[in-house]
Amino acid sequence: MLRFFFNRYSPMVRLMELIGVAAIALIIWRMSGGSLTFAQKLLFYAILLEYAFLRFCTFWRWYPESTPGTYGIGLQFLKAIIPTGYILAVMMWLFVLTESSAVLVITLFLLSVIAHVNVILIYLHFKDGDKTPVNRFSMTH
């Protein structure tokens, strides 16, 4: 059962991310009506920027000879999308229902923790002179 909810290739994880993206689309549609304050818009745009960064990390080819997310830091970035999808789904729909700025602040904080770890991994990746992925020889293909 845990594999269904927390495996990076599980349909549940992808569904939760899609539910979160649907809530984001609804919030963008509501913003065109002017229902959000300026501070809420800034927080929302910061959340969008963090989500775009986290998604970019999963699509970028960190090792030229591999597909994205196969091993090394790409695998870690794929694993980071699991909590990101759940955070987006729960918090964005909670914001749709309540329009509370506190929800946006909490969401921004939670995503910034994940993004901060990604930044550290990217820094260490570029600092390392050996470009062989960490688990290259332990992976079964």
N, C-alpha and C. Protein backbone atom coordinates (compact mmCIF):
# COMPACT_ATOMS: atom_id res chain seq x y z
N MET A 1 0.82 -1.20 0.00
CA MET A 1 0.00 0.00 0.00
C MET A 1 0.87 1.27 0.00
N LEU A 2 1.96 1.24 0.75
CA LEU A 2 2.84 2.41 0.77
C LEU A 2 3.43 2.69 -0.60
N ARG A 3 3.71 1.63 -1.34
CA ARG A 3 4.25 1.81 -2.69
C ARG A 3 3.27 2.57 -3.58
N PHE A 4 1.98 2.33 -3.39
CA PHE A 4 0.96 3.02 -4.17
C PHE A 4 0.98 4.52 -3.89
N PHE A 5 1.20 4.90 -2.63
CA PHE A 5 1.15 6.31 -2.26
C PHE A 5 2.48 7.03 -2.40
N PHE A 6 3.60 6.32 -2.32
CA PHE A 6 4.88 7.00 -2.24
C PHE A 6 5.92 6.56 -3.25
N ASN A 7 5.59 5.75 -4.21
CA ASN A 7 6.53 5.40 -5.27
C ASN A 7 6.52 6.51 -6.32
N ARG A 8 7.69 6.90 -6.77
CA ARG A 8 7.77 8.04 -7.70
C ARG A 8 7.08 7.77 -9.04
N TYR A 9 6.84 6.51 -9.38
CA TYR A 9 6.16 6.19 -10.63
C TYR A 9 4.69 5.79 -10.40
N SER A 10 4.22 5.95 -9.18
CA SER A 10 2.85 5.56 -8.85
C SER A 10 1.84 6.51 -9.50
N PRO A 11 0.72 6.00 -9.95
CA PRO A 11 -0.31 6.88 -10.51
C PRO A 11 -0.88 7.82 -9.44
N MET A 12 -0.86 7.43 -8.18
CA MET A 12 -1.37 8.29 -7.12
C MET A 12 -0.52 9.55 -6.97
N VAL A 13 0.79 9.41 -7.06
CA VAL A 13 1.69 10.56 -6.95
C VAL A 13 1.45 11.52 -8.12
N ARG A 14 1.33 10.96 -9.30
CA ARG A 14 1.07 11.80 -10.48
C ARG A 14 -0.31 12.46 -10.41
N LEU A 15 -1.28 11.72 -9.90
CA LEU A 15 -2.62 12.27 -9.74
C LEU A 15 -2.62 13.43 -8.75
N MET A 16 -1.92 13.28 -7.64
CA MET A 16 -1.86 14.36 -6.65
C MET A 16 -1.20 15.60 -7.24
N GLU A 17 -0.16 15.42 -8.02
CA GLU A 17 0.47 16.57 -8.65
C GLU A 17 -0.47 17.23 -9.65
N LEU A 18 -1.20 16.43 -10.41
CA LEU A 18 -2.18 16.99 -11.35
C LEU A 18 -3.30 17.73 -10.62
N ILE A 19 -3.73 17.20 -9.48
CA ILE A 19 -4.75 17.88 -8.68
C ILE A 19 -4.22 19.23 -8.20
N GLY A 20 -2.96 19.25 -7.78
CA GLY A 20 -2.34 20.50 -7.36
C GLY A 20 -2.21 21.50 -8.49
N VAL A 21 -1.84 21.02 -9.67
CA VAL A 21 -1.73 21.90 -10.83
C VAL A 21 -3.11 22.42 -11.24
N ALA A 22 -4.14 21.60 -11.10
CA ALA A 22 -5.50 22.06 -11.39
C ALA A 22 -5.91 23.17 -10.43
N ALA A 23 -5.53 23.04 -9.16
CA ALA A 23 -5.82 24.10 -8.19
C ALA A 23 -5.05 25.37 -8.54
N ILE A 24 -3.82 25.23 -9.00
CA ILE A 24 -3.03 26.39 -9.42
C ILE A 24 -3.72 27.08 -10.59
N ALA A 25 -4.20 26.30 -11.55
CA ALA A 25 -4.91 26.89 -12.69
C ALA A 25 -6.16 27.63 -12.23
N LEU A 26 -6.87 27.07 -11.27
CA LEU A 26 -8.06 27.74 -10.75
C LEU A 26 -7.69 29.04 -10.04
N ILE A 27 -6.61 29.04 -9.31
CA ILE A 27 -6.16 30.26 -8.63
C ILE A 27 -5.75 31.32 -9.64
N ILE A 28 -5.08 30.92 -10.70
CA ILE A 28 -4.71 31.87 -11.76
C ILE A 28 -5.96 32.46 -12.41
N TRP A 29 -6.96 31.61 -12.63
CA TRP A 29 -8.21 32.09 -13.20
C TRP A 29 -8.89 33.08 -12.25
N ARG A 30 -8.86 32.79 -10.95
CA ARG A 30 -9.45 33.70 -9.97
C ARG A 30 -8.68 35.02 -9.89
N MET A 31 -7.38 34.95 -10.11
CA MET A 31 -6.58 36.18 -10.05
C MET A 31 -6.98 37.16 -11.15
N SER A 32 -7.45 36.64 -12.26
CA SER A 32 -7.88 37.54 -13.33
C SER A 32 -9.11 38.34 -12.91
N GLY A 33 -9.87 37.84 -11.95
CA GLY A 33 -11.02 38.55 -11.41
C GLY A 33 -10.66 39.54 -10.31
N GLY A 34 -9.41 39.51 -9.86
CA GLY A 34 -8.95 40.46 -8.85
C GLY A 34 -9.33 40.11 -7.43
N SER A 35 -9.52 38.82 -7.14
CA SER A 35 -9.96 38.45 -5.80
C SER A 35 -8.82 38.32 -4.79
N LEU A 36 -7.56 38.31 -5.25
CA LEU A 36 -6.43 38.16 -4.35
C LEU A 36 -5.76 39.50 -4.05
N THR A 37 -5.20 39.59 -2.86
CA THR A 37 -4.46 40.80 -2.50
C THR A 37 -3.09 40.77 -3.16
N PHE A 38 -2.40 41.91 -3.11
CA PHE A 38 -1.07 41.99 -3.71
C PHE A 38 -0.10 41.04 -3.02
N ALA A 39 -0.16 40.95 -1.69
CA ALA A 39 0.72 40.05 -0.94
C ALA A 39 0.44 38.59 -1.30
N GLN A 40 -0.82 38.24 -1.45
CA GLN A 40 -1.17 36.87 -1.84
C GLN A 40 -0.65 36.55 -3.23
N LYS A 41 -0.74 37.52 -4.13
CA LYS A 41 -0.21 37.30 -5.48
C LYS A 41 1.29 37.08 -5.45
N LEU A 42 2.01 37.87 -4.65
CA LEU A 42 3.46 37.69 -4.55
C LEU A 42 3.81 36.31 -3.99
N LEU A 43 3.13 35.90 -2.93
CA LEU A 43 3.36 34.58 -2.37
C LEU A 43 3.05 33.48 -3.38
N PHE A 44 1.96 33.66 -4.10
CA PHE A 44 1.57 32.66 -5.10
C PHE A 44 2.60 32.57 -6.21
N TYR A 45 3.08 33.71 -6.69
CA TYR A 45 4.11 33.69 -7.74
C TYR A 45 5.40 33.05 -7.24
N ALA A 46 5.75 33.26 -5.98
CA ALA A 46 6.94 32.62 -5.41
C ALA A 46 6.76 31.10 -5.36
N ILE A 47 5.55 30.66 -5.03
CA ILE A 47 5.25 29.22 -5.03
C ILE A 47 5.37 28.67 -6.44
N LEU A 48 4.84 29.39 -7.42
CA LEU A 48 4.95 28.95 -8.81
C LEU A 48 6.41 28.85 -9.26
N LEU A 49 7.21 29.82 -8.85
CA LEU A 49 8.63 29.82 -9.21
C LEU A 49 9.35 28.62 -8.58
N GLU A 50 9.06 28.34 -7.32
CA GLU A 50 9.66 27.17 -6.67
C GLU A 50 9.22 25.88 -7.34
N TYR A 51 7.95 25.77 -7.66
CA TYR A 51 7.46 24.56 -8.32
C TYR A 51 8.11 24.40 -9.70
N ALA A 52 8.23 25.49 -10.43
CA ALA A 52 8.88 25.43 -11.75
C ALA A 52 10.34 24.97 -11.60
N PHE A 53 11.04 25.47 -10.58
CA PHE A 53 12.42 25.06 -10.34
C PHE A 53 12.49 23.57 -10.00
N LEU A 54 11.60 23.10 -9.13
CA LEU A 54 11.60 21.68 -8.76
C LEU A 54 11.28 20.80 -9.96
N ARG A 55 10.37 21.22 -10.80
CA ARG A 55 10.05 20.46 -12.01
C ARG A 55 11.21 20.49 -12.99
N PHE A 56 11.87 21.65 -13.13
CA PHE A 56 13.03 21.76 -14.02
C PHE A 56 14.12 20.77 -13.61
N CYS A 57 14.33 20.63 -12.31
CA CYS A 57 15.36 19.71 -11.81
C CYS A 57 15.08 18.28 -12.24
N THR A 58 13.82 17.90 -12.36
CA THR A 58 13.50 16.53 -12.75
C THR A 58 13.67 16.31 -14.25
N PHE A 59 13.52 17.34 -15.05
CA PHE A 59 13.61 17.19 -16.50
C PHE A 59 15.01 17.39 -17.06
N TRP A 60 15.86 18.08 -16.34
CA TRP A 60 17.20 18.37 -16.84
C TRP A 60 18.04 17.09 -16.89
N ARG A 61 18.85 16.97 -17.91
CA ARG A 61 19.72 15.82 -18.08
C ARG A 61 21.04 16.11 -17.36
N TRP A 62 21.17 15.62 -16.12
CA TRP A 62 22.33 15.92 -15.29
C TRP A 62 23.57 15.15 -15.70
N TYR A 63 23.37 14.02 -16.33
CA TYR A 63 24.48 13.21 -16.84
C TYR A 63 24.21 12.97 -18.32
N PRO A 64 25.13 13.36 -19.19
CA PRO A 64 24.86 13.32 -20.64
C PRO A 64 24.47 11.94 -21.18
N GLU A 65 25.00 10.87 -20.60
CA GLU A 65 24.74 9.54 -21.16
C GLU A 65 23.48 8.89 -20.62
N SER A 66 22.73 9.59 -19.79
CA SER A 66 21.56 8.95 -19.15
C SER A 66 20.28 9.72 -19.44
N THR A 67 19.18 9.04 -19.22
CA THR A 67 17.90 9.72 -19.28
C THR A 67 17.65 10.41 -17.95
N PRO A 68 16.89 11.48 -17.92
CA PRO A 68 16.65 12.19 -16.65
C PRO A 68 16.03 11.28 -15.59
N GLY A 69 16.57 11.36 -14.37
CA GLY A 69 16.02 10.61 -13.26
C GLY A 69 16.46 9.16 -13.16
N THR A 70 17.42 8.75 -13.98
CA THR A 70 17.85 7.36 -13.96
C THR A 70 18.67 7.05 -12.71
N TYR A 71 19.65 7.91 -12.41
CA TYR A 71 20.48 7.71 -11.23
C TYR A 71 21.13 9.02 -10.84
N GLY A 72 21.89 8.99 -9.75
CA GLY A 72 22.56 10.19 -9.27
C GLY A 72 21.57 11.21 -8.72
N ILE A 73 21.88 12.48 -8.93
CA ILE A 73 21.00 13.51 -8.37
C ILE A 73 19.66 13.57 -9.10
N GLY A 74 19.63 13.13 -10.34
CA GLY A 74 18.35 13.08 -11.05
C GLY A 74 17.35 12.19 -10.36
N LEU A 75 17.83 11.09 -9.80
CA LEU A 75 16.96 10.20 -9.04
C LEU A 75 16.47 10.88 -7.77
N GLN A 76 17.33 11.63 -7.11
CA GLN A 76 16.93 12.35 -5.91
C GLN A 76 15.88 13.41 -6.23
N PHE A 77 16.04 14.07 -7.38
CA PHE A 77 15.06 15.10 -7.76
C PHE A 77 13.70 14.47 -8.06
N LEU A 78 13.70 13.28 -8.65
CA LEU A 78 12.43 12.58 -8.88
C LEU A 78 11.77 12.20 -7.57
N LYS A 79 12.58 11.80 -6.60
CA LYS A 79 12.03 11.46 -5.29
C LYS A 79 11.48 12.70 -4.59
N ALA A 80 12.05 13.86 -4.86
CA ALA A 80 11.58 15.10 -4.22
C ALA A 80 10.24 15.55 -4.78
N ILE A 81 9.87 15.05 -5.94
CA ILE A 81 8.58 15.43 -6.53
C ILE A 81 7.42 14.78 -5.77
N ILE A 82 7.67 13.69 -5.07
CA ILE A 82 6.60 13.02 -4.31
C ILE A 82 6.01 13.95 -3.26
N PRO A 83 6.82 14.49 -2.33
CA PRO A 83 6.21 15.42 -1.36
C PRO A 83 5.72 16.71 -2.02
N THR A 84 6.37 17.11 -3.09
CA THR A 84 5.94 18.33 -3.78
C THR A 84 4.51 18.18 -4.30
N GLY A 85 4.21 17.03 -4.91
CA GLY A 85 2.87 16.79 -5.43
C GLY A 85 1.82 16.80 -4.34
N TYR A 86 2.12 16.16 -3.22
CA TYR A 86 1.17 16.14 -2.11
C TYR A 86 0.99 17.54 -1.50
N ILE A 87 2.08 18.26 -1.36
CA ILE A 87 2.00 19.62 -0.82
C ILE A 87 1.13 20.49 -1.72
N LEU A 88 1.38 20.42 -3.03
CA LEU A 88 0.59 21.22 -3.97
C LEU A 88 -0.89 20.86 -3.90
N ALA A 89 -1.18 19.57 -3.92
CA ALA A 89 -2.58 19.15 -3.94
C ALA A 89 -3.32 19.62 -2.68
N VAL A 90 -2.76 19.36 -1.54
CA VAL A 90 -3.44 19.69 -0.29
C VAL A 90 -3.49 21.19 -0.06
N MET A 91 -2.35 21.84 -0.16
CA MET A 91 -2.27 23.25 0.22
C MET A 91 -2.95 24.18 -0.80
N MET A 92 -2.82 23.89 -2.07
CA MET A 92 -3.45 24.77 -3.06
C MET A 92 -4.97 24.65 -3.01
N TRP A 93 -5.49 23.45 -2.80
CA TRP A 93 -6.94 23.34 -2.67
C TRP A 93 -7.43 23.92 -1.36
N LEU A 94 -6.61 23.85 -0.33
CA LEU A 94 -6.96 24.51 0.93
C LEU A 94 -7.01 26.02 0.73
N PHE A 95 -6.09 26.54 -0.08
CA PHE A 95 -6.12 27.98 -0.38
C PHE A 95 -7.34 28.33 -1.22
N VAL A 96 -7.70 27.49 -2.16
CA VAL A 96 -8.90 27.75 -2.98
C VAL A 96 -10.13 27.85 -2.09
N LEU A 97 -10.20 27.01 -1.08
CA LEU A 97 -11.37 27.01 -0.20
C LEU A 97 -11.37 28.14 0.83
N THR A 98 -10.19 28.51 1.32
CA THR A 98 -10.14 29.50 2.41
C THR A 98 -9.62 30.87 2.00
N GLU A 99 -8.79 30.92 0.96
CA GLU A 99 -8.09 32.14 0.53
C GLU A 99 -7.33 32.79 1.69
N SER A 100 -6.70 31.95 2.51
CA SER A 100 -5.92 32.42 3.64
C SER A 100 -4.46 32.59 3.23
N SER A 101 -3.89 33.72 3.59
CA SER A 101 -2.48 33.97 3.30
C SER A 101 -1.58 33.02 4.07
N ALA A 102 -2.03 32.55 5.22
CA ALA A 102 -1.23 31.62 6.01
C ALA A 102 -0.97 30.32 5.25
N VAL A 103 -1.94 29.89 4.48
CA VAL A 103 -1.76 28.68 3.68
C VAL A 103 -0.65 28.88 2.66
N LEU A 104 -0.62 30.05 2.04
CA LEU A 104 0.43 30.34 1.07
C LEU A 104 1.80 30.41 1.73
N VAL A 105 1.86 30.99 2.92
CA VAL A 105 3.15 31.09 3.63
C VAL A 105 3.66 29.70 4.00
N ILE A 106 2.77 28.84 4.49
CA ILE A 106 3.17 27.48 4.85
C ILE A 106 3.62 26.71 3.61
N THR A 107 2.89 26.86 2.52
CA THR A 107 3.25 26.19 1.27
C THR A 107 4.60 26.67 0.78
N LEU A 108 4.82 27.96 0.81
CA LEU A 108 6.10 28.52 0.38
C LEU A 108 7.24 27.97 1.23
N PHE A 109 7.03 27.88 2.54
CA PHE A 109 8.06 27.35 3.42
C PHE A 109 8.36 25.89 3.11
N LEU A 110 7.32 25.07 2.97
CA LEU A 110 7.53 23.64 2.71
C LEU A 110 8.24 23.41 1.38
N LEU A 111 7.84 24.13 0.34
CA LEU A 111 8.50 23.97 -0.95
C LEU A 111 9.92 24.53 -0.92
N SER A 112 10.15 25.57 -0.11
CA SER A 112 11.50 26.13 -0.05
C SER A 112 12.47 25.16 0.62
N VAL A 113 12.00 24.33 1.54
CA VAL A 113 12.87 23.31 2.14
C VAL A 113 13.31 22.32 1.07
N ILE A 114 12.37 21.87 0.26
CA ILE A 114 12.70 20.92 -0.82
C ILE A 114 13.60 21.58 -1.85
N ALA A 115 13.29 22.81 -2.24
CA ALA A 115 14.12 23.52 -3.22
C ALA A 115 15.52 23.78 -2.67
N HIS A 116 15.63 24.04 -1.38
CA HIS A 116 16.93 24.28 -0.76
C HIS A 116 17.82 23.04 -0.87
N VAL A 117 17.24 21.87 -0.63
CA VAL A 117 18.00 20.63 -0.77
C VAL A 117 18.43 20.44 -2.22
N ASN A 118 17.55 20.77 -3.17
CA ASN A 118 17.92 20.67 -4.59
C ASN A 118 19.08 21.59 -4.93
N VAL A 119 19.06 22.80 -4.39
CA VAL A 119 20.15 23.74 -4.66
C VAL A 119 21.47 23.20 -4.11
N ILE A 120 21.44 22.62 -2.93
CA ILE A 120 22.66 22.04 -2.35
C ILE A 120 23.17 20.89 -3.22
N LEU A 121 22.27 20.04 -3.69
CA LEU A 121 22.68 18.92 -4.55
C LEU A 121 23.26 19.42 -5.87
N ILE A 122 22.67 20.45 -6.43
CA ILE A 122 23.20 21.01 -7.68
C ILE A 122 24.57 21.62 -7.45
N TYR A 123 24.75 22.34 -6.34
CA TYR A 123 26.05 22.92 -6.01
C TYR A 123 27.11 21.82 -5.89
N LEU A 124 26.79 20.77 -5.16
CA LEU A 124 27.76 19.68 -4.99
C LEU A 124 28.01 18.95 -6.30
N HIS A 125 27.00 18.86 -7.14
CA HIS A 125 27.16 18.20 -8.45
C HIS A 125 28.17 18.96 -9.31
N PHE A 126 28.06 20.28 -9.35
CA PHE A 126 28.98 21.06 -10.17
C PHE A 126 30.35 21.22 -9.53
N LYS A 127 30.44 21.07 -8.23
CA LYS A 127 31.72 21.15 -7.54
C LYS A 127 32.53 19.87 -7.73
N ASP A 128 31.86 18.75 -7.92
CA ASP A 128 32.52 17.46 -8.08
C ASP A 128 33.16 17.37 -9.46
N GLY A 129 34.44 17.01 -9.50
CA GLY A 129 35.14 16.89 -10.77
C GLY A 129 34.82 15.61 -11.51
N ASP A 130 34.46 14.55 -10.78
CA ASP A 130 34.13 13.27 -11.39
C ASP A 130 32.65 13.28 -11.76
N LYS A 131 32.35 13.16 -13.01
CA LYS A 131 30.95 13.24 -13.47
C LYS A 131 30.27 11.88 -13.55
N THR A 132 30.90 10.85 -13.02
CA THR A 132 30.24 9.55 -12.95
C THR A 132 29.14 9.62 -11.89
N PRO A 133 27.93 9.25 -12.21
CA PRO A 133 26.85 9.29 -11.22
C PRO A 133 27.17 8.44 -10.00
N VAL A 134 26.65 8.85 -8.87
CA VAL A 134 26.96 8.22 -7.59
C VAL A 134 26.68 6.72 -7.62
N ASN A 135 25.53 6.32 -8.10
CA ASN A 135 25.15 4.91 -8.07
C ASN A 135 25.21 4.28 -9.45
N ARG A 136 26.11 4.70 -10.29
CA ARG A 136 26.23 4.21 -11.66
C ARG A 136 26.49 2.71 -11.71
N PHE A 137 27.37 2.22 -10.86
CA PHE A 137 27.77 0.82 -10.94
C PHE A 137 26.88 -0.10 -10.09
N SER A 138 26.02 0.47 -9.30
CA SER A 138 25.12 -0.37 -8.50
C SER A 138 23.74 -0.50 -9.11
N MET A 139 23.46 0.23 -10.17
CA MET A 139 22.13 0.17 -10.81
C MET A 139 22.04 -1.07 -11.71
N THR A 140 20.90 -1.68 -11.72
CA THR A 140 20.64 -2.78 -12.65
C THR A 140 19.77 -2.21 -13.77
N HIS A 141 20.16 -2.46 -14.96
CA HIS A 141 19.44 -1.88 -16.11
C HIS A 141 18.58 -2.92 -16.75
